């Protein structure tokens, strides 16, 4: 199904696909009774590929992801399932929360920050400022990717141009990255706002 396809344009299944769907439903029920969790998950994922309605796909990927976590402790595969959920429904709060917890546990800071960004985009503008600052702090402490850190601190400045924390972190990041022009602009802003520029240099 193309990304442009809306819920109103979902195509109907063929007779053969309907028959396959019934076989999968029967298999899922049987595997659940027999506690054959791997087979059950495999059948659920096959069903997720077959059904056309995005909401149905979301429910099936969520079900498979939950089973991976609760029945086989396979976090890597659970992550794939919940990432599929977010691809289909970027505002799914349950998937965001589960992915945040798993990425933090795995210390996968880059993916954690990417997921936090999804969450922040759903907040009001006032709430976004504080959360972007928290994310920028996390990225600066945990992530060795100056570009990502700079981008996050810039988002803080976009809504709070005189934020001293953002300005001082950006000054250090720009200096390390040898980006002299934006560094000069940040230093000018710091001086204009009476921030003690010397105190930034540890």
C-alpha atoms as a PDB file:
ATOM      1  CA  UNK A   1       0.000   0.000   0.000  1.00  0.00           C
ATOM      2  CA  UNK A   2       1.408   3.398  -0.946  1.00  0.00           C
ATOM      3  CA  UNK A   3       1.888   6.060   1.724  1.00  0.00           C
ATOM      4  CA  UNK A   4      -0.549   8.315  -0.141  1.00  0.00           C
ATOM      5  CA  UNK A   5      -3.323   5.741   0.085  1.00  0.00           C
ATOM      6  CA  UNK A   6      -5.877   6.924   2.606  1.00  0.00           C
ATOM      7  CA  UNK A   7      -8.150   4.811   4.752  1.00  0.00           C
ATOM      8  CA  UNK A   8     -10.990   5.543   2.318  1.00  0.00           C
ATOM      9  CA  UNK A   9      -9.105   4.023  -0.596  1.00  0.00           C
ATOM     10  CA  UNK A  10      -8.218   0.668   0.954  1.00  0.00           C
ATOM     11  CA  UNK A  11      -8.666  -2.006  -1.678  1.00  0.00           C
ATOM     12  CA  UNK A  12     -10.779  -5.051  -1.007  1.00  0.00           C
ATOM     13  CA  UNK A  13      -9.069  -8.389  -0.563  1.00  0.00           C
ATOM     14  CA  UNK A  14      -9.394 -11.005  -3.261  1.00  0.00           C
ATOM     15  CA  UNK A  15     -11.197 -14.268  -2.544  1.00  0.00           C
ATOM     16  CA  UNK A  16      -7.815 -16.010  -2.296  1.00  0.00           C
ATOM     17  CA  UNK A  17      -6.568 -13.409   0.197  1.00  0.00           C
ATOM     18  CA  UNK A  18      -9.743 -13.735   2.250  1.00  0.00           C
ATOM     19  CA  UNK A  19      -9.216 -17.498   2.367  1.00  0.00           C
ATOM     20  CA  UNK A  20      -5.580 -16.993   3.426  1.00  0.00           C
ATOM     21  CA  UNK A  21      -6.728 -14.581   6.130  1.00  0.00           C
ATOM     22  CA  UNK A  22      -9.135 -17.173   7.511  1.00  0.00           C
ATOM     23  CA  UNK A  23      -6.354 -19.777   7.566  1.00  0.00           C
ATOM     24  CA  UNK A  24      -4.124 -17.349   9.467  1.00  0.00           C
ATOM     25  CA  UNK A  25      -6.874 -16.569  11.993  1.00  0.00           C
ATOM     26  CA  UNK A  26      -7.369 -20.293  12.604  1.00  0.00           C
ATOM     27  CA  UNK A  27      -3.618 -20.783  12.968  1.00  0.00           C
ATOM     28  CA  UNK A  28      -3.276 -17.867  15.406  1.00  0.00           C
ATOM     29  CA  UNK A  29      -6.043 -19.290  17.597  1.00  0.00           C
ATOM     30  CA  UNK A  30      -4.479 -22.758  17.541  1.00  0.00           C
ATOM     31  CA  UNK A  31      -0.951 -21.497  18.290  1.00  0.00           C
ATOM     32  CA  UNK A  32      -2.234 -19.400  21.191  1.00  0.00           C
ATOM     33  CA  UNK A  33      -3.956 -22.416  22.746  1.00  0.00           C
ATOM     34  CA  UNK A  34      -0.757 -24.450  22.299  1.00  0.00           C
ATOM     35  CA  UNK A  35       1.388 -21.574  23.620  1.00  0.00           C
ATOM     36  CA  UNK A  36       3.486 -21.721  20.451  1.00  0.00           C
ATOM     37  CA  UNK A  37       4.347 -18.049  20.685  1.00  0.00           C
ATOM     38  CA  UNK A  38       6.904 -17.887  17.849  1.00  0.00           C
ATOM     39  CA  UNK A  39       4.459 -19.465  15.408  1.00  0.00           C
ATOM     40  CA  UNK A  40       1.686 -17.217  16.659  1.00  0.00           C
ATOM     41  CA  UNK A  41       3.802 -14.093  16.136  1.00  0.00           C
ATOM     42  CA  UNK A  42       4.839 -15.243  12.661  1.00  0.00           C
ATOM     43  CA  UNK A  43       1.181 -15.722  11.694  1.00  0.00           C
ATOM     44  CA  UNK A  44       0.192 -12.328  13.113  1.00  0.00           C
ATOM     45  CA  UNK A  45       2.926 -10.640  11.054  1.00  0.00           C
ATOM     46  CA  UNK A  46       1.791 -12.486   7.929  1.00  0.00           C
ATOM     47  CA  UNK A  47      -1.719 -11.234   8.610  1.00  0.00           C
ATOM     48  CA  UNK A  48      -0.383  -7.670   9.077  1.00  0.00           C
ATOM     49  CA  UNK A  49       1.139  -7.822   5.604  1.00  0.00           C
ATOM     50  CA  UNK A  50      -2.109  -9.116   4.126  1.00  0.00           C
ATOM     51  CA  UNK A  51      -4.718  -6.763   5.601  1.00  0.00           C
ATOM     52  CA  UNK A  52      -5.110  -3.388   3.908  1.00  0.00           C
ATOM     53  CA  UNK A  53      -6.628  -1.040   6.503  1.00  0.00           C
ATOM     54  CA  UNK A  54      -3.885   0.901   8.335  1.00  0.00           C
ATOM     55  CA  UNK A  55      -5.741   0.616  11.665  1.00  0.00           C
ATOM     56  CA  UNK A  56      -5.794  -3.179  11.333  1.00  0.00           C
ATOM     57  CA  UNK A  57      -2.092  -3.237  10.513  1.00  0.00           C
ATOM     58  CA  UNK A  58      -1.377  -1.065  13.571  1.00  0.00           C
ATOM     59  CA  UNK A  59      -3.309  -3.432  15.861  1.00  0.00           C
ATOM     60  CA  UNK A  60      -1.499  -6.490  14.472  1.00  0.00           C
ATOM     61  CA  UNK A  61       1.995  -5.006  14.674  1.00  0.00           C
ATOM     62  CA  UNK A  62       1.225  -3.868  18.235  1.00  0.00           C
ATOM     63  CA  UNK A  63       0.018  -7.374  19.110  1.00  0.00           C
ATOM     64  CA  UNK A  64       3.159  -8.955  17.638  1.00  0.00           C
ATOM     65  CA  UNK A  65       5.435  -6.442  19.382  1.00  0.00           C
ATOM     66  CA  UNK A  66       3.752  -7.068  22.734  1.00  0.00           C
ATOM     67  CA  UNK A  67       4.117 -10.842  22.297  1.00  0.00           C
ATOM     68  CA  UNK A  68       7.801 -10.450  21.425  1.00  0.00           C
ATOM     69  CA  UNK A  69       8.285  -8.589  24.695  1.00  0.00           C
ATOM     70  CA  UNK A  70       6.081 -10.691  26.958  1.00  0.00           C
ATOM     71  CA  UNK A  71       6.538 -14.178  25.531  1.00  0.00           C
ATOM     72  CA  UNK A  72       9.963 -14.354  23.908  1.00  0.00           C
ATOM     73  CA  UNK A  73      11.875 -11.402  25.411  1.00  0.00           C
ATOM     74  CA  UNK A  74      12.992 -10.481  21.901  1.00  0.00           C
ATOM     75  CA  UNK A  75      13.415  -6.740  22.239  1.00  0.00           C
ATOM     76  CA  UNK A  76      15.045  -6.257  18.827  1.00  0.00           C
ATOM     77  CA  UNK A  77      12.052  -7.737  17.000  1.00  0.00           C
ATOM     78  CA  UNK A  78       9.615  -5.899  19.282  1.00  0.00           C
ATOM     79  CA  UNK A  79      11.301  -2.627  18.307  1.00  0.00           C
ATOM     80  CA  UNK A  80      10.751  -3.414  14.603  1.00  0.00           C
ATOM     81  CA  UNK A  81       7.049  -4.019  15.256  1.00  0.00           C
ATOM     82  CA  UNK A  82       6.516  -0.775  17.165  1.00  0.00           C
ATOM     83  CA  UNK A  83       8.508   1.151  14.554  1.00  0.00           C
ATOM     84  CA  UNK A  84       6.035  -0.217  11.984  1.00  0.00           C
ATOM     85  CA  UNK A  85       3.210   1.077  14.193  1.00  0.00           C
ATOM     86  CA  UNK A  86       4.730   4.571  14.135  1.00  0.00           C
ATOM     87  CA  UNK A  87       5.217   4.465  10.387  1.00  0.00           C
ATOM     88  CA  UNK A  88       1.478   3.853  10.051  1.00  0.00           C
ATOM     89  CA  UNK A  89       0.408   6.156  12.882  1.00  0.00           C
ATOM     90  CA  UNK A  90       3.100   8.711  13.875  1.00  0.00           C
ATOM     91  CA  UNK A  91       0.953   9.888  16.799  1.00  0.00           C
ATOM     92  CA  UNK A  92       0.578   6.492  18.475  1.00  0.00           C
ATOM     93  CA  UNK A  93       1.442   7.287  22.085  1.00  0.00           C
ATOM     94  CA  UNK A  94       1.705   3.653  23.179  1.00  0.00           C
ATOM     95  CA  UNK A  95       4.319   2.863  20.518  1.00  0.00           C
ATOM     96  CA  UNK A  96       6.282   6.021  21.375  1.00  0.00           C
ATOM     97  CA  UNK A  97       6.353   5.117  25.087  1.00  0.00           C
ATOM     98  CA  UNK A  98       7.404   1.519  24.435  1.00  0.00           C
ATOM     99  CA  UNK A  99      10.157   2.546  22.003  1.00  0.00           C
ATOM    100  CA  UNK A 100      11.459   5.209  24.412  1.00  0.00           C
ATOM    101  CA  UNK A 101      11.758   2.614  27.182  1.00  0.00           C
ATOM    102  CA  UNK A 102      13.482   0.053  24.942  1.00  0.00           C
ATOM    103  CA  UNK A 103      15.909   2.512  23.372  1.00  0.00           C
ATOM    104  CA  UNK A 104      16.862   3.870  26.797  1.00  0.00           C
ATOM    105  CA  UNK A 105      17.394   0.349  28.129  1.00  0.00           C
ATOM    106  CA  UNK A 106      19.603  -0.466  25.115  1.00  0.00           C
ATOM    107  CA  UNK A 107      21.404   2.878  25.468  1.00  0.00           C
ATOM    108  CA  UNK A 108      20.574   3.622  21.851  1.00  0.00           C
ATOM    109  CA  UNK A 109      20.660   7.365  22.395  1.00  0.00           C
ATOM    110  CA  UNK A 110      20.294   8.393  18.761  1.00  0.00           C
ATOM    111  CA  UNK A 111      17.073   6.413  18.270  1.00  0.00           C
ATOM    112  CA  UNK A 112      15.815   7.514  21.687  1.00  0.00           C
ATOM    113  CA  UNK A 113      16.273  11.154  20.694  1.00  0.00           C
ATOM    114  CA  UNK A 114      14.587  10.537  17.333  1.00  0.00           C
ATOM    115  CA  UNK A 115      11.595   9.017  19.162  1.00  0.00           C
ATOM    116  CA  UNK A 116      11.521  11.877  21.667  1.00  0.00           C
ATOM    117  CA  UNK A 117      11.370  14.276  18.720  1.00  0.00           C
ATOM    118  CA  UNK A 118       8.270  12.494  17.445  1.00  0.00           C
ATOM    119  CA  UNK A 119       6.706  12.935  20.870  1.00  0.00           C
ATOM    120  CA  UNK A 120       7.657  16.604  21.167  1.00  0.00           C
ATOM    121  CA  UNK A 121       6.044  17.408  17.821  1.00  0.00           C
ATOM    122  CA  UNK A 122       2.703  16.386  19.349  1.00  0.00           C
ATOM    123  CA  UNK A 123       3.002  18.891  22.224  1.00  0.00           C
ATOM    124  CA  UNK A 124       1.921  22.523  22.411  1.00  0.00           C
ATOM    125  CA  UNK A 125       4.571  25.115  21.542  1.00  0.00           C
ATOM    126  CA  UNK A 126       5.038  26.140  25.185  1.00  0.00           C
ATOM    127  CA  UNK A 127       5.708  22.558  26.236  1.00  0.00           C
ATOM    128  CA  UNK A 128       8.031  21.994  23.286  1.00  0.00           C
ATOM    129  CA  UNK A 129      10.606  24.536  24.503  1.00  0.00           C
ATOM    130  CA  UNK A 130      11.322  22.720  27.758  1.00  0.00           C
ATOM    131  CA  UNK A 131      11.356  19.302  26.134  1.00  0.00           C
ATOM    132  CA  UNK A 132      13.724  20.394  23.358  1.00  0.00           C
ATOM    133  CA  UNK A 133      16.094  21.695  26.013  1.00  0.00           C
ATOM    134  CA  UNK A 134      15.966  18.336  27.843  1.00  0.00           C
ATOM    135  CA  UNK A 135      16.597  16.502  24.564  1.00  0.00           C
ATOM    136  CA  UNK A 136      19.475  18.792  23.654  1.00  0.00           C
ATOM    137  CA  UNK A 137      21.055  18.162  27.086  1.00  0.00           C
ATOM    138  CA  UNK A 138      20.687  14.408  26.596  1.00  0.00           C
ATOM    139  CA  UNK A 139      22.190  14.563  23.104  1.00  0.00           C
ATOM    140  CA  UNK A 140      25.105  16.719  24.284  1.00  0.00           C
ATOM    141  CA  UNK A 141      25.876  14.334  27.164  1.00  0.00           C
ATOM    142  CA  UNK A 142      25.298  11.002  25.408  1.00  0.00           C
ATOM    143  CA  UNK A 143      25.633  11.482  21.674  1.00  0.00           C
ATOM    144  CA  UNK A 144      28.918  12.109  19.920  1.00  0.00           C
ATOM    145  CA  UNK A 145      27.212  13.766  16.959  1.00  0.00           C
ATOM    146  CA  UNK A 146      27.678  17.540  17.001  1.00  0.00           C
ATOM    147  CA  UNK A 147      25.249  18.067  14.099  1.00  0.00           C
ATOM    148  CA  UNK A 148      22.374  16.495  16.036  1.00  0.00           C
ATOM    149  CA  UNK A 149      23.228  18.470  19.196  1.00  0.00           C
ATOM    150  CA  UNK A 150      23.482  21.731  17.253  1.00  0.00           C
ATOM    151  CA  UNK A 151      20.131  21.119  15.569  1.00  0.00           C
ATOM    152  CA  UNK A 152      18.402  20.516  18.919  1.00  0.00           C
ATOM    153  CA  UNK A 153      19.933  23.567  20.614  1.00  0.00           C
ATOM    154  CA  UNK A 154      18.913  25.637  17.585  1.00  0.00           C
ATOM    155  CA  UNK A 155      15.315  24.490  18.117  1.00  0.00           C
ATOM    156  CA  UNK A 156      15.541  25.804  21.688  1.00  0.00           C
ATOM    157  CA  UNK A 157      16.828  29.161  20.408  1.00  0.00           C
ATOM    158  CA  UNK A 158      14.097  29.336  17.778  1.00  0.00           C
ATOM    159  CA  UNK A 159      11.504  29.776  20.529  1.00  0.00           C
ATOM    160  CA  UNK A 160      13.762  31.250  23.230  1.00  0.00           C
ATOM    161  CA  UNK A 161      16.443  33.350  21.458  1.00  0.00           C
ATOM    162  CA  UNK A 162      18.226  34.399  24.664  1.00  0.00           C
ATOM    163  CA  UNK A 163      18.312  30.983  26.348  1.00  0.00           C
ATOM    164  CA  UNK A 164      21.719  31.067  28.082  1.00  0.00           C
ATOM    165  CA  UNK A 165      22.026  27.282  28.252  1.00  0.00           C
ATOM    166  CA  UNK A 166      21.446  26.928  24.508  1.00  0.00           C
ATOM    167  CA  UNK A 167      23.790  29.805  23.684  1.00  0.00           C
ATOM    168  CA  UNK A 168      26.635  28.493  25.820  1.00  0.00           C
ATOM    169  CA  UNK A 169      26.296  24.927  24.504  1.00  0.00           C
ATOM    170  CA  UNK A 170      26.108  26.140  20.911  1.00  0.00           C
ATOM    171  CA  UNK A 171      29.212  28.275  21.426  1.00  0.00           C
ATOM    172  CA  UNK A 172      31.177  25.203  22.518  1.00  0.00           C
ATOM    173  CA  UNK A 173      29.732  23.014  19.764  1.00  0.00           C
ATOM    174  CA  UNK A 174      30.416  25.599  17.049  1.00  0.00           C
ATOM    175  CA  UNK A 175      33.973  26.049  18.320  1.00  0.00           C
ATOM    176  CA  UNK A 176      34.622  22.289  18.245  1.00  0.00           C
ATOM    177  CA  UNK A 177      33.104  22.053  14.764  1.00  0.00           C
ATOM    178  CA  UNK A 178      35.136  25.098  13.625  1.00  0.00           C
ATOM    179  CA  UNK A 179      31.979  26.839  12.492  1.00  0.00           C
ATOM    180  CA  UNK A 180      33.289  30.339  13.044  1.00  0.00           C
ATOM    181  CA  UNK A 181      30.446  32.418  11.600  1.00  0.00           C
ATOM    182  CA  UNK A 182      27.628  30.960  13.751  1.00  0.00           C
ATOM    183  CA  UNK A 183      30.054  30.962  16.711  1.00  0.00           C
ATOM    184  CA  UNK A 184      30.573  34.709  16.288  1.00  0.00           C
ATOM    185  CA  UNK A 185      26.805  35.281  16.167  1.00  0.00           C
ATOM    186  CA  UNK A 186      26.248  33.262  19.344  1.00  0.00           C
ATOM    187  CA  UNK A 187      29.036  35.073  21.175  1.00  0.00           C
ATOM    188  CA  UNK A 188      27.545  38.417  20.158  1.00  0.00           C
ATOM    189  CA  UNK A 189      24.184  37.358  21.563  1.00  0.00           C
ATOM    190  CA  UNK A 190      25.837  36.181  24.784  1.00  0.00           C
ATOM    191  CA  UNK A 191      27.669  39.474  25.203  1.00  0.00           C
ATOM    192  CA  UNK A 192      24.504  41.442  24.446  1.00  0.00           C
ATOM    193  CA  UNK A 193      22.588  39.487  27.069  1.00  0.00           C
ATOM    194  CA  UNK A 194      25.337  40.126  29.667  1.00  0.00           C
ATOM    195  CA  UNK A 195      26.119  36.409  29.970  1.00  0.00           C
ATOM    196  CA  UNK A 196      29.540  35.739  31.422  1.00  0.00           C
ATOM    197  CA  UNK A 197      31.214  34.316  28.322  1.00  0.00           C
ATOM    198  CA  UNK A 198      34.367  33.447  30.249  1.00  0.00           C
ATOM    199  CA  UNK A 199      32.414  31.148  32.588  1.00  0.00           C
ATOM    200  CA  UNK A 200      31.532  28.905  29.645  1.00  0.00           C
ATOM    201  CA  UNK A 201      35.083  27.763  29.205  1.00  0.00           C
ATOM    202  CA  UNK A 202      35.686  25.022  31.709  1.00  0.00           C
END
